[in-house]
Amino acid sequence: MELRRDVFQAIADPTRRVILTLLAIQAMTPGAIAGNFDSSRQTISKHIKILTECELLKQEQNGREIYYHLNPQGMKEIAEFIEPFRKMWDDRFNKLESVMKNYKSNK
């Protein structure tokens, strides 16, 4: 059985979250990604490797260049985990809104 890195540990790092945000906008080469940070290219390459191992990024060869782009399917695990919390907060805000409307109408 092949083990892969934990996706939640991967997104816990702020640098990796920025990389995901950058690649959500457009595919980029490792050099272009590294250009957005003060860190060394080696450090950014390690972050990219972790995100790729977690299947949050995919790489695509285009001539001599390798481009990385966000893998939306890899984000599914994160979205499924967050969904119950989103629903809980939506319910709470809806209840608060209802209370506030009742409060205003009783004034």
Protein backbone atom coordinates (compact mmCIF):
# COMPACT_ATOMS: atom_id res chain seq x y z
CA MET A 1 0.00 0.00 0.00
CA GLU A 2 1.40 3.38 -1.03
CA LEU A 3 1.17 6.09 1.61
CA ARG A 4 0.89 9.71 0.64
CA ARG A 5 1.48 12.79 2.72
CA ASP A 6 -1.36 14.20 4.77
CA VAL A 7 -3.12 16.94 2.84
CA PHE A 8 -3.95 18.84 6.03
CA GLN A 9 -0.31 18.98 7.10
CA ALA A 10 0.51 20.24 3.62
CA ILE A 11 -1.94 23.15 3.77
CA ALA A 12 -0.93 24.00 7.35
CA ASP A 13 2.16 25.76 6.00
CA PRO A 14 1.52 29.39 4.97
CA THR A 15 3.99 29.25 2.07
CA ARG A 16 2.21 26.24 0.60
CA ARG A 17 -1.14 28.00 0.93
CA VAL A 18 0.25 30.96 -1.02
CA ILE A 19 1.56 28.57 -3.69
CA LEU A 20 -1.92 27.03 -3.98
CA THR A 21 -3.43 30.50 -4.30
CA LEU A 22 -0.96 31.50 -7.02
CA LEU A 23 -1.62 28.33 -8.99
CA ALA A 24 -5.38 28.70 -8.65
CA ILE A 25 -5.00 31.75 -10.88
CA GLN A 26 -2.64 30.30 -13.50
CA ALA A 27 -0.16 27.50 -14.13
CA MET A 28 3.42 28.48 -13.37
CA THR A 29 6.95 27.14 -13.65
CA PRO A 30 8.90 26.45 -10.45
CA GLY A 31 11.05 29.51 -11.16
CA ALA A 32 8.00 31.74 -11.55
CA ILE A 33 6.56 30.39 -8.31
CA ALA A 34 9.86 30.96 -6.49
CA GLY A 35 9.94 34.53 -7.79
CA ASN A 36 7.04 35.34 -5.48
CA PHE A 37 9.02 34.48 -2.33
CA ASP A 38 12.17 35.57 -0.52
CA SER A 39 13.01 31.89 0.07
CA SER A 40 15.52 29.94 -2.00
CA ARG A 41 14.40 28.01 -5.06
CA GLN A 42 15.34 24.79 -3.24
CA THR A 43 12.97 25.63 -0.39
CA ILE A 44 10.13 26.40 -2.80
CA SER A 45 10.89 23.18 -4.71
CA LYS A 46 10.44 21.22 -1.47
CA HIS A 47 7.07 22.90 -0.91
CA ILE A 48 6.02 22.10 -4.49
CA LYS A 49 7.10 18.48 -4.02
CA ILE A 50 4.97 18.12 -0.88
CA LEU A 51 1.93 19.66 -2.59
CA THR A 52 2.43 17.37 -5.59
CA GLU A 53 2.76 14.29 -3.37
CA CYS A 54 -0.53 15.27 -1.71
CA GLU A 55 -2.08 15.50 -5.18
CA LEU A 56 -2.94 19.16 -4.67
CA LEU A 57 -0.78 20.09 -7.67
CA LYS A 58 -0.27 18.50 -11.04
CA GLN A 59 2.67 19.03 -13.30
CA GLU A 60 2.57 19.33 -17.05
CA GLN A 61 5.53 19.26 -19.41
CA ASN A 62 5.41 21.96 -22.08
CA GLY A 63 8.55 21.74 -24.19
CA ARG A 64 11.50 22.09 -21.86
CA GLU A 65 9.43 23.73 -19.13
CA ILE A 66 7.44 22.07 -16.38
CA TYR A 67 4.29 23.90 -15.37
CA TYR A 68 2.45 23.28 -12.13
CA HIS A 69 -1.25 23.87 -11.76
CA LEU A 70 -3.83 23.37 -9.07
CA ASN A 71 -5.53 19.99 -8.98
CA PRO A 72 -9.15 20.76 -8.01
CA GLN A 73 -9.83 17.07 -7.45
CA GLY A 74 -7.09 17.03 -4.81
CA MET A 75 -8.84 19.85 -2.96
CA LYS A 76 -11.97 17.70 -2.63
CA GLU A 77 -10.77 16.06 0.59
CA ILE A 78 -10.32 19.47 2.18
CA ALA A 79 -13.70 20.72 0.96
CA GLU A 80 -15.48 17.62 2.26
CA PHE A 81 -13.90 18.10 5.68
CA ILE A 82 -14.85 21.79 5.85
CA GLU A 83 -18.41 21.44 4.53
CA PRO A 84 -20.11 20.46 7.85
CA PHE A 85 -18.47 23.45 9.56
CA ARG A 86 -19.62 25.78 6.79
CA LYS A 87 -23.18 24.53 7.20
CA MET A 88 -22.97 24.96 10.97
CA TRP A 89 -21.81 28.59 10.63
CA ASP A 90 -24.41 29.34 7.94
CA ASP A 91 -27.12 28.06 10.30
CA ARG A 92 -25.78 30.17 13.16
CA PHE A 93 -25.62 33.33 11.06
CA ASN A 94 -29.14 32.71 9.75
CA LYS A 95 -30.42 32.38 13.33
CA LEU A 96 -28.60 35.56 14.33
CA GLU A 97 -30.10 37.38 11.36
CA SER A 98 -33.56 36.21 12.41
CA VAL A 99 -33.01 37.39 15.99
CA MET A 100 -31.79 40.78 14.75
CA LYS A 101 -34.83 41.21 12.47
CA ASN A 102 -37.16 40.38 15.36
CA TYR A 103 -35.27 42.78 17.61
CA LYS A 104 -35.58 45.63 15.09
CA SER A 105 -39.28 45.01 14.52
CA ASN A 106 -39.98 45.02 18.29
CA LYS A 107 -38.37 48.44 18.78
